[in-house]
Amino acid sequence: MQMMARESWTDERLDDLNVKVTRGFEQVDKRFEQVDEEFKAVRAEMKEGFDKVEARFDAMNGRFDSLHRVILTSVIALFGAMFTGFATLAGILATKL
């Protein structure tokens, strides 16, 4: 089996590699800055959307409060009518006996 020749790294080649690596990281940093800007825009859109949904839920809370009042009033009226009916029936039966 033949061994590959080992290249020697001179100071000049190491300096070139250092420059190349530095440029690569600069490009990566620029891409991350672009991604950060895109995320800021997405976050702003999401916040706007969530604010709209929250406003709709706030409006619905008023409707649910009104519905709760109507149901409660109806139940109280129903029980009042039932109580009145039973009391009337009991009065009629008491006078017949």
Protein backbone atom coordinates (compact mmCIF):
# COMPACT_ATOMS: atom_id res chain seq x y z
CA MET A 1 0.00 0.00 0.00
CA GLN A 2 1.31 3.35 -0.98
CA MET A 3 1.31 6.16 1.59
CA MET A 4 0.21 9.61 0.55
CA ALA A 5 2.89 12.22 0.70
CA ARG A 6 2.50 14.57 3.60
CA GLU A 7 2.33 18.17 2.55
CA SER A 8 4.34 20.61 4.50
CA TRP A 9 2.60 23.70 5.78
CA THR A 10 4.68 26.79 5.41
CA ASP A 11 3.96 30.01 7.26
CA GLU A 12 2.75 31.53 4.00
CA ARG A 13 0.27 28.67 3.40
CA LEU A 14 -0.92 28.90 6.98
CA ASP A 15 -1.45 32.65 6.57
CA ASP A 16 -3.45 32.00 3.37
CA LEU A 17 -5.55 29.42 5.19
CA ASN A 18 -6.11 31.88 8.04
CA VAL A 19 -7.33 34.53 5.57
CA LYS A 20 -9.61 32.02 3.86
CA VAL A 21 -11.10 30.85 7.17
CA THR A 22 -11.58 34.46 8.30
CA ARG A 23 -13.41 35.31 5.06
CA GLY A 24 -15.58 32.24 5.49
CA PHE A 25 -16.58 33.29 9.00
CA GLU A 26 -17.30 36.82 7.77
CA GLN A 27 -19.68 35.38 5.19
CA VAL A 28 -21.34 33.24 7.87
CA ASP A 29 -21.71 36.32 10.09
CA LYS A 30 -23.37 38.23 7.23
CA ARG A 31 -25.81 35.35 6.66
CA PHE A 32 -26.65 35.24 10.36
CA GLU A 33 -27.32 38.98 10.29
CA GLN A 34 -29.70 38.43 7.35
CA VAL A 35 -31.43 35.59 9.18
CA ASP A 36 -31.74 37.75 12.30
CA GLU A 37 -33.39 40.51 10.24
CA GLU A 38 -35.79 37.99 8.70
CA PHE A 39 -36.67 36.64 12.14
CA LYS A 40 -37.33 40.18 13.38
CA ALA A 41 -39.76 40.69 10.50
CA VAL A 42 -41.46 37.35 11.17
CA ARG A 43 -41.72 38.11 14.89
CA ALA A 44 -43.31 41.48 14.12
CA GLU A 45 -45.86 39.84 11.80
CA MET A 46 -46.62 37.15 14.38
CA LYS A 47 -47.08 39.75 17.12
CA GLU A 48 -49.46 41.69 14.91
CA GLY A 49 -51.43 38.54 14.17
CA PHE A 50 -51.59 37.51 17.82
CA ASP A 51 -52.71 41.01 18.78
CA LYS A 52 -55.60 40.72 16.30
CA VAL A 53 -56.58 37.31 17.69
CA GLU A 54 -56.38 38.63 21.24
CA ALA A 55 -58.63 41.57 20.31
CA ARG A 56 -61.18 39.16 18.83
CA PHE A 57 -61.14 37.05 22.00
CA ASP A 58 -61.62 40.19 24.08
CA ALA A 59 -64.67 41.04 21.96
CA MET A 60 -65.97 37.49 22.38
CA ASN A 61 -65.57 37.69 26.16
CA GLY A 62 -68.23 40.41 26.21
CA ARG A 63 -70.53 38.17 24.21
CA PHE A 64 -69.93 35.26 26.55
CA ASP A 65 -70.68 37.50 29.53
CA SER A 66 -73.98 38.51 27.92
CA LEU A 67 -74.84 34.87 27.16
CA HIS A 68 -74.03 33.93 30.75
CA ARG A 69 -76.39 36.63 32.02
CA VAL A 70 -79.20 35.47 29.71
CA ILE A 71 -78.81 31.82 30.73
CA LEU A 72 -78.68 32.70 34.43
CA THR A 73 -81.76 34.91 34.13
CA SER A 74 -83.61 32.17 32.23
CA VAL A 75 -82.75 29.52 34.83
CA ILE A 76 -83.87 31.79 37.68
CA ALA A 77 -87.14 32.57 35.87
CA LEU A 78 -87.72 28.87 35.15
CA PHE A 79 -87.17 27.85 38.77
CA GLY A 80 -89.38 30.74 39.90
CA ALA A 81 -92.16 29.61 37.59
CA MET A 82 -91.76 25.99 38.74
CA PHE A 83 -91.83 27.05 42.41
CA THR A 84 -94.93 29.19 41.79
CA GLY A 85 -96.61 26.29 39.99
CA PHE A 86 -95.83 23.84 42.77
CA ALA A 87 -96.97 26.33 45.43
CA THR A 88 -100.23 26.91 43.52
CA LEU A 89 -100.76 23.18 43.14
CA ALA A 90 -100.07 22.63 46.82
CA GLY A 91 -102.56 25.40 47.68
CA ILE A 92 -105.23 23.86 45.47
CA LEU A 93 -104.66 20.41 46.95
CA ALA A 94 -104.69 21.82 50.49
CA THR A 95 -108.08 23.48 49.94
CA LYS A 96 -109.56 20.30 48.42
CA LEU A 97 -108.62 18.10 51.34
